[in-house]
Amino acid sequence: MHSSSVRLESSAACGQRFGLTHLAFSMGCEQAVAELTERFRADGFRLLEDPRRTGDCYYESVVLDADGNRLEITV
């Protein structure tokens, strides 16, 4: 992946930055994505994106873990 617009000072949860930006976990089916997303929500984690179909046809949601890392839950 290449981008000329990434700034080092970006610290926002949804911001672009150098290095590790998120971890992705493949759940195997859309129902598993929805269930794990709801479990994270119920446990008080910050949800950045509800389960949705992306422009590149993935079904995913994004949540922040306790350390502020983005976790992508996908099929």
PDB file of N, CA and C in Angstrom:
ATOM      1  N   MET A   1       0.843  -1.167   0.000  1.00  0.00           N
ATOM      2  CA  MET A   1       0.000   0.000   0.000  1.00  0.00           C
ATOM      3  C   MET A   1       0.886   1.227   0.000  1.00  0.00           C
ATOM      4  N   HIS A   2       0.498   2.242  -0.734  1.00  0.00           N
ATOM      5  CA  HIS A   2       1.310   3.456  -0.846  1.00  0.00           C
ATOM      6  C   HIS A   2       0.411   4.675  -0.727  1.00  0.00           C
ATOM      7  N   SER A   3       0.878   5.643   0.033  1.00  0.00           N
ATOM      8  CA  SER A   3       0.151   6.903   0.154  1.00  0.00           C
ATOM      9  C   SER A   3       1.142   8.024   0.406  1.00  0.00           C
ATOM     10  N   SER A   4       0.951   9.115  -0.298  1.00  0.00           N
ATOM     11  CA  SER A   4       1.823  10.275  -0.087  1.00  0.00           C
ATOM     12  C   SER A   4       1.204  11.259   0.895  1.00  0.00           C
ATOM     13  N   SER A   5       0.020  10.918   1.441  1.00  0.00           N
ATOM     14  CA  SER A   5      -0.671  11.868   2.316  1.00  0.00           C
ATOM     15  C   SER A   5      -0.629  11.488   3.796  1.00  0.00           C
ATOM     16  N   VAL A   6       0.136  10.473   4.165  1.00  0.00           N
ATOM     17  CA  VAL A   6       0.208  10.058   5.564  1.00  0.00           C
ATOM     18  C   VAL A   6       1.116  11.011   6.329  1.00  0.00           C
ATOM     19  N   ARG A   7       0.589  11.531   7.456  1.00  0.00           N
ATOM     20  CA  ARG A   7       1.378  12.430   8.291  1.00  0.00           C
ATOM     21  C   ARG A   7       1.764  11.716   9.579  1.00  0.00           C
ATOM     22  N   LEU A   8       2.986  11.916  10.032  1.00  0.00           N
ATOM     23  CA  LEU A   8       3.477  11.253  11.236  1.00  0.00           C
ATOM     24  C   LEU A   8       2.720  11.663  12.490  1.00  0.00           C
ATOM     25  N   GLU A   9       2.200  12.881  12.551  1.00  0.00           N
ATOM     26  CA  GLU A   9       1.570  13.369  13.764  1.00  0.00           C
ATOM     27  C   GLU A   9       0.141  12.883  13.958  1.00  0.00           C
ATOM     28  N   SER A  10      -0.399  12.150  13.022  1.00  0.00           N
ATOM     29  CA  SER A  10      -1.777  11.691  13.130  1.00  0.00           C
ATOM     30  C   SER A  10      -1.902  10.654  14.236  1.00  0.00           C
ATOM     31  N   SER A  11      -2.750  10.940  15.233  1.00  0.00           N
ATOM     32  CA  SER A  11      -2.963   9.984  16.309  1.00  0.00           C
ATOM     33  C   SER A  11      -4.436   9.644  16.496  1.00  0.00           C
ATOM     34  N   ALA A  12      -5.295  10.177  15.649  1.00  0.00           N
ATOM     35  CA  ALA A  12      -6.720   9.886  15.750  1.00  0.00           C
ATOM     36  C   ALA A  12      -6.975   8.406  15.461  1.00  0.00           C
ATOM     37  N   ALA A  13      -7.973   7.843  16.106  1.00  0.00           N
ATOM     38  CA  ALA A  13      -8.275   6.420  15.945  1.00  0.00           C
ATOM     39  C   ALA A  13      -8.515   6.037  14.496  1.00  0.00           C
ATOM     40  N   CYS A  14      -9.131   6.912  13.730  1.00  0.00           N
ATOM     41  CA  CYS A  14      -9.417   6.615  12.329  1.00  0.00           C
ATOM     42  C   CYS A  14      -8.391   7.219  11.390  1.00  0.00           C
ATOM     43  N   GLY A  15      -7.373   7.851  11.928  1.00  0.00           N
ATOM     44  CA  GLY A  15      -6.374   8.514  11.101  1.00  0.00           C
ATOM     45  C   GLY A  15      -5.425   7.536  10.434  1.00  0.00           C
ATOM     46  N   GLN A  16      -4.808   7.985   9.386  1.00  0.00           N
ATOM     47  CA  GLN A  16      -3.796   7.192   8.708  1.00  0.00           C
ATOM     48  C   GLN A  16      -2.448   7.455   9.373  1.00  0.00           C
ATOM     49  N   ARG A  17      -1.627   6.421   9.451  1.00  0.00           N
ATOM     50  CA  ARG A  17      -0.312   6.584  10.064  1.00  0.00           C
ATOM     51  C   ARG A  17       0.641   5.520   9.539  1.00  0.00           C
ATOM     52  N   PHE A  18       1.922   5.730   9.768  1.00  0.00           N
ATOM     53  CA  PHE A  18       2.927   4.750   9.370  1.00  0.00           C
ATOM     54  C   PHE A  18       2.914   3.577  10.336  1.00  0.00           C
ATOM     55  N   GLY A  19       3.376   2.427   9.876  1.00  0.00           N
ATOM     56  CA  GLY A  19       3.469   1.253  10.729  1.00  0.00           C
ATOM     57  C   GLY A  19       2.168   0.489  10.793  1.00  0.00           C
ATOM     58  N   LEU A  20       2.018  -0.286  11.854  1.00  0.00           N
ATOM     59  CA  LEU A  20       0.819  -1.098  12.050  1.00  0.00           C
ATOM     60  C   LEU A  20      -0.378  -0.197  12.264  1.00  0.00           C
ATOM     61  N   THR A  21      -1.387  -0.328  11.416  1.00  0.00           N
ATOM     62  CA  THR A  21      -2.578   0.515  11.558  1.00  0.00           C
ATOM     63  C   THR A  21      -3.777  -0.258  12.043  1.00  0.00           C
ATOM     64  N   HIS A  22      -3.811  -1.566  11.813  1.00  0.00           N
ATOM     65  CA  HIS A  22      -4.900  -2.374  12.334  1.00  0.00           C
ATOM     66  C   HIS A  22      -4.556  -3.851  12.232  1.00  0.00           C
ATOM     67  N   LEU A  23      -5.292  -4.651  12.984  1.00  0.00           N
ATOM     68  CA  LEU A  23      -5.198  -6.102  12.893  1.00  0.00           C
ATOM     69  C   LEU A  23      -6.527  -6.594  12.333  1.00  0.00           C
ATOM     70  N   ALA A  24      -6.482  -7.546  11.428  1.00  0.00           N
ATOM     71  CA  ALA A  24      -7.698  -8.070  10.824  1.00  0.00           C
ATOM     72  C   ALA A  24      -7.869  -9.537  11.204  1.00  0.00           C
ATOM     73  N   PHE A  25      -9.100  -9.888  11.539  1.00  0.00           N
ATOM     74  CA  PHE A  25      -9.433 -11.253  11.912  1.00  0.00           C
ATOM     75  C   PHE A  25     -10.567 -11.737  11.018  1.00  0.00           C
ATOM     76  N   SER A  26     -10.347 -12.840  10.305  1.00  0.00           N
ATOM     77  CA  SER A  26     -11.372 -13.411   9.450  1.00  0.00           C
ATOM     78  C   SER A  26     -12.207 -14.381  10.273  1.00  0.00           C
ATOM     79  N   MET A  27     -13.515 -14.130  10.292  1.00  0.00           N
ATOM     80  CA  MET A  27     -14.420 -14.897  11.140  1.00  0.00           C
ATOM     81  C   MET A  27     -15.123 -16.039  10.414  1.00  0.00           C
ATOM     82  N   GLY A  28     -15.032 -16.100   9.101  1.00  0.00           N
ATOM     83  CA  GLY A  28     -15.605 -17.212   8.368  1.00  0.00           C
ATOM     84  C   GLY A  28     -17.002 -16.986   7.811  1.00  0.00           C
ATOM     85  N   CYS A  29     -17.822 -16.164   8.502  1.00  0.00           N
ATOM     86  CA  CYS A  29     -19.163 -15.891   7.980  1.00  0.00           C
ATOM     87  C   CYS A  29     -19.671 -14.563   8.542  1.00  0.00           C
ATOM     88  N   GLU A  30     -20.637 -13.977   7.866  1.00  0.00           N
ATOM     89  CA  GLU A  30     -21.166 -12.671   8.262  1.00  0.00           C
ATOM     90  C   GLU A  30     -21.804 -12.710   9.646  1.00  0.00           C
ATOM     91  N   GLN A  31     -22.467 -13.794   9.985  1.00  0.00           N
ATOM     92  CA  GLN A  31     -23.107 -13.905  11.299  1.00  0.00           C
ATOM     93  C   GLN A  31     -22.066 -13.842  12.414  1.00  0.00           C
ATOM     94  N   ALA A  32     -20.923 -14.477  12.220  1.00  0.00           N
ATOM     95  CA  ALA A  32     -19.861 -14.442  13.224  1.00  0.00           C
ATOM     96  C   ALA A  32     -19.310 -13.026  13.392  1.00  0.00           C
ATOM     97  N   VAL A  33     -19.205 -12.283  12.288  1.00  0.00           N
ATOM     98  CA  VAL A  33     -18.763 -10.882  12.358  1.00  0.00           C
ATOM     99  C   VAL A  33     -19.746 -10.077  13.203  1.00  0.00           C
ATOM    100  N   ALA A  34     -21.029 -10.231  12.914  1.00  0.00           N
ATOM    101  CA  ALA A  34     -22.060  -9.488  13.639  1.00  0.00           C
ATOM    102  C   ALA A  34     -22.076  -9.863  15.121  1.00  0.00           C
ATOM    103  N   GLU A  35     -21.952 -11.139  15.435  1.00  0.00           N
ATOM    104  CA  GLU A  35     -21.977 -11.581  16.833  1.00  0.00           C
ATOM    105  C   GLU A  35     -20.783 -11.071  17.617  1.00  0.00           C
ATOM    106  N   LEU A  36     -19.585 -11.153  17.040  1.00  0.00           N
ATOM    107  CA  LEU A  36     -18.404 -10.664  17.753  1.00  0.00           C
ATOM    108  C   LEU A  36     -18.451  -9.145  17.910  1.00  0.00           C
ATOM    109  N   THR A  37     -18.948  -8.457  16.893  1.00  0.00           N
ATOM    110  CA  THR A  37     -19.094  -7.003  16.988  1.00  0.00           C
ATOM    111  C   THR A  37     -20.016  -6.642  18.147  1.00  0.00           C
ATOM    112  N   GLU A  38     -21.130  -7.331  18.271  1.00  0.00           N
ATOM    113  CA  GLU A  38     -22.064  -7.049  19.367  1.00  0.00           C
ATOM    114  C   GLU A  38     -21.467  -7.393  20.722  1.00  0.00           C
ATOM    115  N   ARG A  39     -20.653  -8.425  20.761  1.00  0.00           N
ATOM    116  CA  ARG A  39     -19.982  -8.768  22.026  1.00  0.00           C
ATOM    117  C   ARG A  39     -19.018  -7.658  22.447  1.00  0.00           C
ATOM    118  N   PHE A  40     -18.238  -7.150  21.486  1.00  0.00           N
ATOM    119  CA  PHE A  40     -17.342  -6.029  21.787  1.00  0.00           C
ATOM    120  C   PHE A  40     -18.149  -4.820  22.263  1.00  0.00           C
ATOM    121  N   ARG A  41     -19.238  -4.523  21.578  1.00  0.00           N
ATOM    122  CA  ARG A  41     -20.075  -3.383  21.949  1.00  0.00           C
ATOM    123  C   ARG A  41     -20.604  -3.556  23.379  1.00  0.00           C
ATOM    124  N   ALA A  42     -21.124  -4.731  23.686  1.00  0.00           N
ATOM    125  CA  ALA A  42     -21.682  -5.011  25.015  1.00  0.00           C
ATOM    126  C   ALA A  42     -20.623  -4.918  26.109  1.00  0.00           C
ATOM    127  N   ASP A  43     -19.380  -5.224  25.750  1.00  0.00           N
ATOM    128  CA  ASP A  43     -18.282  -5.164  26.719  1.00  0.00           C
ATOM    129  C   ASP A  43     -17.693  -3.769  26.845  1.00  0.00           C
ATOM    130  N   GLY A  44     -18.266  -2.792  26.128  1.00  0.00           N
ATOM    131  CA  GLY A  44     -17.865  -1.401  26.276  1.00  0.00           C
ATOM    132  C   GLY A  44     -16.751  -0.920  25.370  1.00  0.00           C
ATOM    133  N   PHE A  45     -16.387  -1.718  24.362  1.00  0.00           N
ATOM    134  CA  PHE A  45     -15.357  -1.277  23.425  1.00  0.00           C
ATOM    135  C   PHE A  45     -15.942  -0.260  22.455  1.00  0.00           C
ATOM    136  N   ARG A  46     -15.108   0.637  21.968  1.00  0.00           N
ATOM    137  CA  ARG A  46     -15.551   1.675  21.037  1.00  0.00           C
ATOM    138  C   ARG A  46     -15.654   1.106  19.632  1.00  0.00           C
ATOM    139  N   LEU A  47     -16.832   1.165  19.068  1.00  0.00           N
ATOM    140  CA  LEU A  47     -17.070   0.689  17.717  1.00  0.00           C
ATOM    141  C   LEU A  47     -16.863   1.842  16.740  1.00  0.00           C
ATOM    142  N   LEU A  48     -15.966   1.658  15.783  1.00  0.00           N
ATOM    143  CA  LEU A  48     -15.706   2.691  14.776  1.00  0.00           C
ATOM    144  C   LEU A  48     -16.586   2.520  13.557  1.00  0.00           C
ATOM    145  N   GLU A  49     -16.876   1.273  13.188  1.00  0.00           N
ATOM    146  CA  GLU A  49     -17.721   0.998  12.023  1.00  0.00           C
ATOM    147  C   GLU A  49     -18.598  -0.205  12.321  1.00  0.00           C
ATOM    148  N   ASP A  50     -19.903  -0.030  12.195  1.00  0.00           N
ATOM    149  CA  ASP A  50     -20.828  -1.154  12.318  1.00  0.00           C
ATOM    150  C   ASP A  50     -20.577  -2.141  11.195  1.00  0.00           C
ATOM    151  N   PRO A  51     -21.011  -3.396  11.367  1.00  0.00           N
ATOM    152  CA  PRO A  51     -20.858  -4.353  10.266  1.00  0.00           C
ATOM    153  C   PRO A  51     -21.477  -3.798   8.982  1.00  0.00           C
ATOM    154  N   ARG A  52     -20.733  -3.917   7.901  1.00  0.00           N
ATOM    155  CA  ARG A  52     -21.156  -3.353   6.623  1.00  0.00           C
ATOM    156  C   ARG A  52     -20.412  -4.038   5.494  1.00  0.00           C
ATOM    157  N   ARG A  53     -20.927  -3.898   4.303  1.00  0.00           N
ATOM    158  CA  ARG A  53     -20.226  -4.373   3.116  1.00  0.00           C
ATOM    159  C   ARG A  53     -19.421  -3.207   2.565  1.00  0.00           C
ATOM    160  N   THR A  54     -18.135  -3.416   2.395  1.00  0.00           N
ATOM    161  CA  THR A  54     -17.252  -2.357   1.915  1.00  0.00           C
ATOM    162  C   THR A  54     -17.305  -2.260   0.392  1.00  0.00           C
ATOM    163  N   GLY A  55     -16.683  -1.225  -0.144  1.00  0.00           N
ATOM    164  CA  GLY A  55     -16.635  -1.030  -1.585  1.00  0.00           C
ATOM    165  C   GLY A  55     -15.918  -2.141  -2.319  1.00  0.00           C
ATOM    166  N   ASP A  56     -15.021  -2.848  -1.617  1.00  0.00           N
ATOM    167  CA  ASP A  56     -14.317  -3.965  -2.245  1.00  0.00           C
ATOM    168  C   ASP A  56     -14.933  -5.315  -1.858  1.00  0.00           C
ATOM    169  N   CYS A  57     -16.215  -5.268  -1.445  1.00  0.00           N
ATOM    170  CA  CYS A  57     -17.060  -6.453  -1.210  1.00  0.00           C
ATOM    171  C   CYS A  57     -16.722  -7.269   0.029  1.00  0.00           C
ATOM    172  N   TYR A  58     -15.979  -6.717   0.963  1.00  0.00           N
ATOM    173  CA  TYR A  58     -15.767  -7.394   2.233  1.00  0.00           C
ATOM    174  C   TYR A  58     -16.913  -7.045   3.179  1.00  0.00           C
ATOM    175  N   TYR A  59     -17.239  -7.944   4.073  1.00  0.00           N
ATOM    176  CA  TYR A  59     -18.197  -7.666   5.144  1.00  0.00           C
ATOM    177  C   TYR A  59     -17.358  -7.530   6.398  1.00  0.00           C
ATOM    178  N   GLU A  60     -17.421  -6.361   7.041  1.00  0.00           N
ATOM    179  CA  GLU A  60     -16.523  -6.119   8.159  1.00  0.00           C
ATOM    180  C   GLU A  60     -17.083  -5.093   9.126  1.00  0.00           C
ATOM    181  N   SER A  61     -16.491  -5.067  10.299  1.00  0.00           N
ATOM    182  CA  SER A  61     -16.701  -4.001  11.267  1.00  0.00           C
ATOM    183  C   SER A  61     -15.332  -3.652  11.825  1.00  0.00           C
ATOM    184  N   VAL A  62     -15.244  -2.496  12.498  1.00  0.00           N
ATOM    185  CA  VAL A  62     -13.972  -2.074  13.085  1.00  0.00           C
ATOM    186  C   VAL A  62     -14.239  -1.584  14.494  1.00  0.00           C
ATOM    187  N   VAL A  63     -13.432  -2.077  15.432  1.00  0.00           N
ATOM    188  CA  VAL A  63     -13.566  -1.726  16.846  1.00  0.00           C
ATOM    189  C   VAL A  63     -12.175  -1.375  17.382  1.00  0.00           C
ATOM    190  N   LEU A  64     -12.127  -0.525  18.392  1.00  0.00           N
ATOM    191  CA  LEU A  64     -10.856  -0.224  19.054  1.00  0.00           C
ATOM    192  C   LEU A  64     -10.684  -1.144  20.252  1.00  0.00           C
ATOM    193  N   ASP A  65      -9.496  -1.715  20.404  1.00  0.00           N
ATOM    194  CA  ASP A  65      -9.246  -2.516  21.596  1.00  0.00           C
ATOM    195  C   ASP A  65      -8.891  -1.588  22.762  1.00  0.00           C
ATOM    196  N   ALA A  66      -8.596  -2.145  23.908  1.00  0.00           N
ATOM    197  CA  ALA A  66      -8.333  -1.358  25.118  1.00  0.00           C
ATOM    198  C   ALA A  66      -7.122  -0.444  24.971  1.00  0.00           C
ATOM    199  N   ASP A  67      -6.202  -0.764  24.056  1.00  0.00           N
ATOM    200  CA  ASP A  67      -5.010   0.057  23.834  1.00  0.00           C
ATOM    201  C   ASP A  67      -5.172   1.029  22.682  1.00  0.00           C
ATOM    202  N   GLY A  68      -6.356   1.067  22.074  1.00  0.00           N
ATOM    203  CA  GLY A  68      -6.607   1.986  20.970  1.00  0.00           C
ATOM    204  C   GLY A  68      -6.228   1.440  19.610  1.00  0.00           C
ATOM    205  N   ASN A  69      -5.894   0.155  19.519  1.00  0.00           N
ATOM    206  CA  ASN A  69      -5.593  -0.467  18.233  1.00  0.00           C
ATOM    207  C   ASN A  69      -6.883  -0.784  17.495  1.00  0.00           C
ATOM    208  N   ARG A  70      -6.889  -0.567  16.186  1.00  0.00           N
ATOM    209  CA  ARG A  70      -8.062  -0.901  15.387  1.00  0.00           C
ATOM    210  C   ARG A  70      -8.086  -2.389  15.088  1.00  0.00           C
ATOM    211  N   LEU A  71      -9.205  -3.033  15.390  1.00  0.00           N
ATOM    212  CA  LEU A  71      -9.407  -4.433  15.085  1.00  0.00           C
ATOM    213  C   LEU A  71     -10.472  -4.521  14.005  1.00  0.00           C
ATOM    214  N   GLU A  72     -10.100  -5.096  12.883  1.00  0.00           N
ATOM    215  CA  GLU A  72     -11.032  -5.294  11.776  1.00  0.00           C
ATOM    216  C   GLU A  72     -11.543  -6.721  11.857  1.00  0.00           C
ATOM    217  N   ILE A  73     -12.840  -6.852  11.987  1.00  0.00           N
ATOM    218  CA  ILE A  73     -13.481  -8.162  12.062  1.00  0.00           C
ATOM    219  C   ILE A  73     -14.138  -8.380  10.710  1.00  0.00           C
ATOM    220  N   THR A  74     -13.721  -9.396   9.996  1.00  0.00           N
ATOM    221  CA  THR A  74     -14.125  -9.529   8.597  1.00  0.00           C
ATOM    222  C   THR A  74     -14.440 -10.966   8.220  1.00  0.00           C
ATOM    223  N   VAL A  75     -14.999 -11.119   7.037  1.00  0.00           N
ATOM    224  CA  VAL A  75     -15.231 -12.440   6.445  1.00  0.00           C
ATOM    225  C   VAL A  75     -14.209 -12.620   5.342  1.00  0.00           C
TER     226      VAL A  75
END
